[in-house]
Protein backbone atom coordinates (compact mmCIF):
# COMPACT_ATOMS: atom_id res chain seq x y z
CA MET A 1 0.00 0.00 0.00
CA ALA A 2 1.30 3.44 -0.97
CA SER A 3 2.28 5.77 1.83
CA LEU A 4 0.16 8.86 2.40
CA ASP A 5 2.68 11.19 0.77
CA VAL A 6 2.54 9.16 -2.45
CA THR A 7 -1.26 9.42 -2.41
CA PHE A 8 -0.96 13.21 -2.33
CA PHE A 9 1.64 13.00 -5.09
CA TRP A 10 -0.89 11.22 -7.30
CA ILE A 11 -3.57 13.79 -6.49
CA ALA A 12 -1.18 16.51 -7.66
CA PHE A 13 -0.25 14.40 -10.69
CA TRP A 14 -3.85 14.24 -11.92
CA PHE A 15 -4.52 17.93 -11.32
CA TYR A 16 -1.38 18.76 -13.32
CA PHE A 17 -2.63 16.42 -16.02
CA ILE A 18 -5.95 18.29 -16.08
CA GLY A 19 -4.07 21.58 -16.27
CA PHE A 20 -1.99 20.21 -19.13
CA ILE A 21 -5.16 19.22 -21.02
CA PHE A 22 -6.77 22.63 -20.53
CA PHE A 23 -3.67 24.49 -21.65
CA THR A 24 -3.25 22.21 -24.66
CA ALA A 25 -6.88 22.90 -25.59
CA TYR A 26 -6.17 26.63 -25.30
CA LEU A 27 -3.72 26.33 -28.19
CA ALA A 28 -6.73 25.63 -30.43
CA SER A 29 -9.29 27.91 -28.77
CA ASP A 30 -9.28 31.50 -27.56
CA LYS A 31 -11.98 31.10 -24.91
CA ALA A 32 -10.71 32.80 -21.76
CA ILE A 33 -12.24 30.24 -19.42
CA ILE A 34 -9.96 27.48 -20.74
CA PRO A 35 -6.62 28.88 -19.49
CA ASN A 36 -8.33 30.04 -16.30
CA MET A 37 -9.40 26.45 -15.65
CA GLY A 38 -5.90 25.27 -16.49
CA THR A 39 -4.32 27.76 -14.10
CA ALA A 40 -6.77 26.76 -11.37
CA ALA A 41 -5.92 23.08 -11.86
CA MET A 42 -2.18 23.80 -11.64
CA ILE A 43 -2.59 25.87 -8.47
CA ILE A 44 -4.85 23.24 -6.89
CA GLY A 45 -2.32 20.53 -7.80
CA PHE A 46 0.48 22.59 -6.27
CA LEU A 47 -1.18 22.35 -2.86
CA PRO A 48 -1.27 18.50 -2.53
CA GLN A 49 2.23 18.32 -3.98
CA THR A 50 3.41 20.65 -1.24
CA VAL A 51 1.62 18.47 1.30
CA ALA A 52 3.24 15.37 -0.25
CA ILE A 53 6.72 16.84 0.19
CA LEU A 54 6.06 17.87 3.79
CA LEU A 55 4.47 14.51 4.64
CA ARG A 56 7.41 12.60 3.19
CA TRP A 57 9.71 14.74 5.31
CA LYS A 58 7.68 13.87 8.41
CA LEU A 59 7.37 10.16 7.59
CA SER A 60 11.05 9.68 6.73
CA GLY A 61 12.43 11.87 9.48
CA HIS A 62 14.66 13.79 7.09
CA PRO A 63 14.21 16.22 4.17
CA PRO A 64 12.90 14.33 1.10
CA LEU A 65 16.00 14.82 -1.02
CA THR A 66 17.77 11.48 -0.92
CA ASN A 67 16.66 9.68 -4.09
CA MET A 68 15.75 10.44 -7.69
CA TYR A 69 11.99 10.35 -7.11
CA GLU A 70 12.24 12.98 -4.38
CA TYR A 71 14.62 15.10 -6.46
CA MET A 72 12.32 15.07 -9.48
CA THR A 73 9.33 15.86 -7.28
CA VAL A 74 11.05 18.92 -5.83
CA MET A 75 12.15 20.01 -9.31
CA SER A 76 8.57 19.81 -10.66
CA TRP A 77 7.30 21.63 -7.55
CA MET A 78 9.71 24.48 -8.26
CA ALA A 79 8.61 24.59 -11.90
CA VAL A 80 4.98 25.02 -10.85
CA ALA A 81 5.90 27.65 -8.24
CA THR A 82 7.74 29.62 -10.93
CA PHE A 83 4.80 29.16 -13.32
CA ILE A 84 2.38 30.58 -10.72
CA PHE A 85 4.69 33.58 -10.23
CA ILE A 86 4.88 34.18 -13.98
CA ILE A 87 1.11 34.04 -14.35
CA TYR A 88 0.74 36.53 -11.49
CA ARG A 89 3.52 38.81 -12.75
CA PHE A 90 2.83 38.89 -16.49
CA ARG A 91 -0.88 37.99 -16.73
CA LYS A 92 -0.26 35.87 -19.83
CA PRO A 93 -2.08 32.53 -19.34
CA ILE A 94 -0.91 31.22 -22.71
CA VAL A 95 2.50 30.71 -21.05
CA GLY A 96 0.91 27.74 -19.30
CA SER A 97 0.47 25.99 -22.64
CA PHE A 98 4.23 25.59 -22.78
CA ILE A 99 5.14 25.27 -19.10
CA ALA A 100 2.36 22.83 -18.09
CA PRO A 101 3.63 20.12 -20.50
CA VAL A 102 7.17 20.44 -19.11
CA THR A 103 5.86 20.17 -15.57
CA PHE A 104 3.73 17.17 -16.43
CA ILE A 105 6.69 15.43 -18.09
CA LEU A 106 8.68 15.92 -14.88
CA MET A 107 5.78 14.46 -12.88
CA VAL A 108 5.50 11.49 -15.25
CA SER A 109 9.23 10.88 -14.83
CA ALA A 110 8.86 11.02 -11.04
CA SER A 111 5.89 8.64 -11.17
CA LEU A 112 8.03 5.99 -12.87
CA LEU A 113 10.78 6.07 -10.24
CA PRO A 114 10.88 3.95 -7.04
CA LYS A 115 8.99 5.70 -4.25
CA GLU A 116 10.05 3.76 -1.17
CA ILE A 117 10.88 5.91 1.83
CA SER A 118 14.41 5.55 3.19
CA HIS A 119 14.23 5.76 6.96
CA GLN A 120 17.82 4.69 7.59
CA LEU A 121 20.26 6.62 5.45
CA MET A 122 23.79 5.60 4.66
CA PRO A 123 26.35 7.65 6.64
CA ALA A 124 27.29 9.77 3.61
CA LEU A 125 23.70 11.04 3.39
CA GLN A 126 23.42 12.01 7.04
CA ASP A 127 24.75 15.51 6.65
CA ILE A 128 23.12 18.95 6.50
CA TRP A 129 25.23 19.80 3.45
CA LEU A 130 23.45 17.08 1.50
CA TYR A 131 20.11 18.83 1.98
CA ILE A 132 21.54 22.22 1.05
CA HIS A 133 23.22 20.68 -1.98
CA VAL A 134 20.22 18.76 -3.31
CA SER A 135 17.46 21.24 -2.47
CA LEU A 136 19.14 24.23 -4.11
CA ALA A 137 20.17 22.18 -7.15
CA ALA A 138 16.61 20.86 -7.57
CA VAL A 139 14.89 24.23 -7.31
CA GLY A 140 17.50 25.77 -9.59
CA GLU A 141 16.85 23.13 -12.23
CA GLY A 142 13.12 23.69 -11.78
CA ALA A 143 13.67 27.30 -12.83
CA PHE A 144 15.70 26.06 -15.82
CA ALA A 145 12.70 23.89 -16.76
CA VAL A 146 10.48 26.97 -16.91
CA ALA A 147 13.06 28.78 -19.06
CA PHE A 148 13.03 25.74 -21.37
CA GLY A 149 9.24 25.87 -21.80
CA VAL A 150 9.23 29.62 -22.38
CA SER A 151 12.07 29.31 -24.89
CA ILE A 152 10.07 26.81 -26.95
CA MET A 153 7.21 29.29 -26.78
CA TYR A 154 9.55 32.02 -28.05
CA LEU A 155 10.46 29.98 -31.12
CA VAL A 156 6.77 29.34 -31.80
CA ALA A 157 6.01 33.06 -31.41
CA GLU A 158 8.85 33.91 -33.78
CA LYS A 159 7.45 31.50 -36.35
CA MET A 160 4.02 33.06 -35.94
CA GLU A 161 5.54 36.51 -36.38
CA THR A 162 6.68 35.65 -39.87
CA LYS A 163 3.15 34.47 -40.74
CA GLY A 164 1.31 37.29 -38.99
CA ARG A 165 0.01 37.19 -35.42
CA SER A 166 -3.32 38.91 -35.84
CA LYS A 167 -5.43 35.76 -35.69
CA GLY A 168 -5.56 32.42 -33.88
CA LEU A 169 -2.73 31.35 -31.61
CA GLY A 170 -0.49 34.17 -32.75
CA SER A 171 -2.84 36.81 -31.36
CA ARG A 172 -2.73 35.21 -27.89
CA LEU A 173 1.00 34.80 -27.59
CA PRO A 174 2.94 37.30 -25.44
CA SER A 175 5.36 39.55 -27.23
CA MET A 176 8.76 38.07 -27.92
CA ASP A 177 10.27 40.72 -25.65
CA ILE A 178 8.18 39.42 -22.73
CA LEU A 179 9.10 35.80 -23.48
CA ASP A 180 12.78 36.72 -23.69
CA ALA A 181 12.47 38.54 -20.36
CA ILE A 182 10.83 35.52 -18.69
CA ASN A 183 13.54 33.25 -20.09
CA TYR A 184 16.24 35.48 -18.62
CA LYS A 185 14.48 35.94 -15.28
CA SER A 186 14.02 32.18 -14.88
CA ILE A 187 17.68 31.49 -15.57
CA SER A 188 18.78 34.40 -13.39
CA ILE A 189 16.84 32.75 -10.53
CA GLY A 190 18.03 29.22 -11.28
CA PHE A 191 21.70 29.94 -11.91
CA PRO A 192 22.75 31.22 -8.45
CA LEU A 193 20.71 28.48 -6.75
CA PHE A 194 22.35 25.85 -8.93
CA THR A 195 25.78 27.41 -8.40
CA VAL A 196 25.55 27.39 -4.61
CA GLY A 197 23.74 24.06 -4.42
CA ALA A 198 25.25 21.84 -7.10
CA LEU A 199 28.80 23.17 -6.99
CA PHE A 200 29.77 24.79 -3.69
CA ALA A 201 27.54 22.88 -1.27
CA GLY A 202 28.14 19.71 -3.28
CA ALA A 203 31.90 20.10 -3.00
CA ILE A 204 31.73 20.75 0.74
CA TRP A 205 29.50 17.72 1.27
CA ALA A 206 31.74 15.53 -0.92
CA ASN A 207 34.78 16.51 1.09
CA LYS A 208 33.05 15.64 4.37
CA ALA A 209 31.61 12.37 3.03
CA TRP A 210 34.45 11.08 0.86
CA GLY A 211 37.47 13.15 1.85
CA THR A 212 37.77 15.06 -1.44
CA PHE A 213 36.12 18.12 -2.94
CA TRP A 214 36.21 16.59 -6.41
CA GLY A 215 36.25 12.94 -7.43
CA TRP A 216 35.43 12.98 -11.17
CA ASP A 217 32.11 11.31 -10.41
CA PRO A 218 29.82 11.34 -13.52
CA LYS A 219 27.26 13.49 -11.71
CA GLU A 220 29.94 15.95 -10.62
CA VAL A 221 31.26 16.24 -14.16
CA GLY A 222 27.73 16.66 -15.53
CA SER A 223 26.92 19.42 -13.02
CA LEU A 224 30.14 21.25 -13.87
CA ILE A 225 29.38 21.08 -17.60
CA ILE A 226 25.85 22.40 -16.99
CA TRP A 227 27.20 25.23 -14.84
CA ILE A 228 29.78 26.21 -17.47
CA PHE A 229 27.08 26.16 -20.13
CA TYR A 230 24.85 28.57 -18.22
CA VAL A 231 27.88 30.78 -17.52
CA LEU A 232 28.38 30.92 -21.28
CA TYR A 233 24.67 31.73 -21.70
CA LEU A 234 24.98 34.71 -19.34
CA HIS A 235 28.26 35.78 -20.95
CA ALA A 236 26.71 35.61 -24.41
CA ARG A 237 23.72 37.63 -23.23
CA PHE A 238 25.61 40.40 -21.49
CA GLN A 239 28.86 40.57 -23.43
CA ARG A 240 27.72 39.51 -26.89
CA GLY A 241 24.18 40.79 -26.80
CA TRP A 242 22.64 37.39 -27.48
CA ARG A 243 18.93 37.73 -26.87
CA GLY A 244 15.79 36.47 -28.46
CA ARG A 245 16.22 33.42 -30.66
CA ARG A 246 19.85 32.75 -29.72
CA ALA A 247 19.11 32.94 -26.00
CA ALA A 248 16.06 30.68 -26.44
CA ILE A 249 18.08 28.03 -28.26
CA LEU A 250 20.78 28.12 -25.58
CA SER A 251 18.13 27.76 -22.86
CA ILE A 252 16.63 24.72 -24.59
CA ILE A 253 20.05 23.09 -24.98
CA GLY A 254 20.87 23.83 -21.34
CA PHE A 255 17.81 22.05 -19.98
CA ILE A 256 18.34 19.07 -22.29
CA MET A 257 21.78 18.81 -20.70
CA VAL A 258 20.13 18.89 -17.25
CA LEU A 259 17.87 15.98 -18.23
CA LEU A 260 20.76 14.00 -19.72
CA SER A 261 22.75 14.46 -16.52
CA PHE A 262 19.78 13.43 -14.37
CA PHE A 263 18.79 10.30 -16.28
CA GLY A 264 22.40 9.43 -17.06
CA ASN A 265 22.73 8.90 -13.33
CA LEU A 266 20.65 5.74 -13.77
CA PHE A 267 23.26 4.16 -16.02
CA LEU A 268 26.66 5.67 -15.20
CA GLY A 269 26.77 4.79 -11.51
CA GLY A 270 29.33 6.49 -9.29
CA TYR A 271 28.87 8.06 -5.87
CA HIS A 272 25.45 9.40 -6.90
CA ALA A 273 24.04 6.08 -8.06
CA TYR A 274 21.64 5.97 -5.13
CA GLY A 275 20.06 9.37 -5.81
């Protein structure tokens, strides 16, 4: 029988699915009630997911950040939190048509992972630096996920621009300037969180757990590559003036690298093979 936190996870899962359906329908219809229903479903789903995370914390006796299911859950939670902020800040519900699918994919991925609660952790996981490391990395990557969805939306908007945006989907899309701004804001939120969590806190934890700040573990190498890539994104934006289409493409590539690093953990082993 599933633990109570998993029950709440599934409640959130189905509300996110409903939100995904509404936002997908909005791509073909301009009725205002459709995205409003989609937004409501996403917000309602956010509540049981928050409860699920807190319950798992209570049931396990430690922050729920010690395996891939918990990591993916926190990442999707952050994506929805960022989505809710964007809807509140920019008042552009069509954004949900591109963020809701990304969130739902993260939830589907989490649903396929083992959900057993680990009450007794191995000694290496019994450290406060682990929780700082994993939580900040997860929420940072959740922000990258939102930037990914918005960047796809930017490319769609750009395509619509060449065909004229006065009718249909094109008339409901935010301006490309707004989409570019959301892309940048999402990455500007995610990057410092990822930097502190994945790199600095991770190195400190690794040194305490294994006696070295750097051990060429596949996950360590992947995180460093991702960090360097987003450094290059910011450099290209500020020093080279890369905005719009170029920035959107970089954002999409960056999040694909995040996913490859995450799922590669299932096959490459190393110190992070358990989480």
